[in-house]
Amino acid sequence: MILTNIPLVDWGMGTAIIVVFGVVCTVMILVVLNMVKSDKKK
């Protein structure tokens, strides 16, 4: 019965990592879109 006390998933840390990953992806997409829109031909 010791195995029932070991959590298989740490929901707090997992949620934080998913949120950070989502924020990083959103920022990267915004940076790429900004670079595409501000691209000026010489």
C-alpha atoms as a PDB file:
ATOM      1  CA  MET A   1       0.000   0.000   0.000  1.00  0.00           C
ATOM      2  CA  ILE A   2       3.027   2.305  -0.052  1.00  0.00           C
ATOM      3  CA  LEU A   3       2.704   2.731  -3.822  1.00  0.00           C
ATOM      4  CA  THR A   4      -0.703   4.406  -3.460  1.00  0.00           C
ATOM      5  CA  ASN A   5       0.929   7.288  -1.585  1.00  0.00           C
ATOM      6  CA  ILE A   6       3.413   8.122  -4.364  1.00  0.00           C
ATOM      7  CA  PRO A   7       1.954  10.715  -6.733  1.00  0.00           C
ATOM      8  CA  LEU A   8       2.552   9.838 -10.382  1.00  0.00           C
ATOM      9  CA  VAL A   9       1.891  13.376 -11.606  1.00  0.00           C
ATOM     10  CA  ASP A  10       2.807  16.716 -10.047  1.00  0.00           C
ATOM     11  CA  TRP A  11      -0.083  18.811 -11.363  1.00  0.00           C
ATOM     12  CA  GLY A  12       1.220  22.092  -9.947  1.00  0.00           C
ATOM     13  CA  MET A  13       4.614  21.915 -11.641  1.00  0.00           C
ATOM     14  CA  GLY A  14       3.162  20.407 -14.828  1.00  0.00           C
ATOM     15  CA  THR A  15       0.628  23.210 -15.146  1.00  0.00           C
ATOM     16  CA  ALA A  16       3.337  25.833 -14.587  1.00  0.00           C
ATOM     17  CA  ILE A  17       5.555  24.292 -17.277  1.00  0.00           C
ATOM     18  CA  ILE A  18       2.657  24.163 -19.761  1.00  0.00           C
ATOM     19  CA  VAL A  19       1.790  27.819 -19.066  1.00  0.00           C
ATOM     20  CA  VAL A  20       5.417  28.919 -19.506  1.00  0.00           C
ATOM     21  CA  PHE A  21       5.676  26.899 -22.735  1.00  0.00           C
ATOM     22  CA  GLY A  22       2.493  28.523 -24.059  1.00  0.00           C
ATOM     23  CA  VAL A  23       3.744  32.027 -23.227  1.00  0.00           C
ATOM     24  CA  VAL A  24       7.114  31.357 -24.904  1.00  0.00           C
ATOM     25  CA  CYS A  25       5.409  30.006 -28.043  1.00  0.00           C
ATOM     26  CA  THR A  26       3.069  33.009 -28.190  1.00  0.00           C
ATOM     27  CA  VAL A  27       5.959  35.471 -27.827  1.00  0.00           C
ATOM     28  CA  MET A  28       7.956  33.680 -30.531  1.00  0.00           C
ATOM     29  CA  ILE A  29       4.983  33.766 -32.933  1.00  0.00           C
ATOM     30  CA  LEU A  30       4.476  37.481 -32.271  1.00  0.00           C
ATOM     31  CA  VAL A  31       8.172  38.200 -32.884  1.00  0.00           C
ATOM     32  CA  VAL A  32       8.128  36.293 -36.182  1.00  0.00           C
ATOM     33  CA  LEU A  33       4.945  38.050 -37.336  1.00  0.00           C
ATOM     34  CA  ASN A  34       6.450  41.418 -36.384  1.00  0.00           C
ATOM     35  CA  MET A  35       9.597  40.628 -38.384  1.00  0.00           C
ATOM     36  CA  VAL A  36       7.535  39.590 -41.422  1.00  0.00           C
ATOM     37  CA  LYS A  37       5.378  42.720 -41.313  1.00  0.00           C
ATOM     38  CA  SER A  38       8.307  45.095 -40.820  1.00  0.00           C
ATOM     39  CA  ASP A  39      10.391  43.524 -43.607  1.00  0.00           C
ATOM     40  CA  LYS A  40      11.186  46.332 -46.043  1.00  0.00           C
ATOM     41  CA  LYS A  41      12.583  45.789 -49.494  1.00  0.00           C
ATOM     42  CA  LYS A  42      15.589  47.931 -50.332  1.00  0.00           C
END
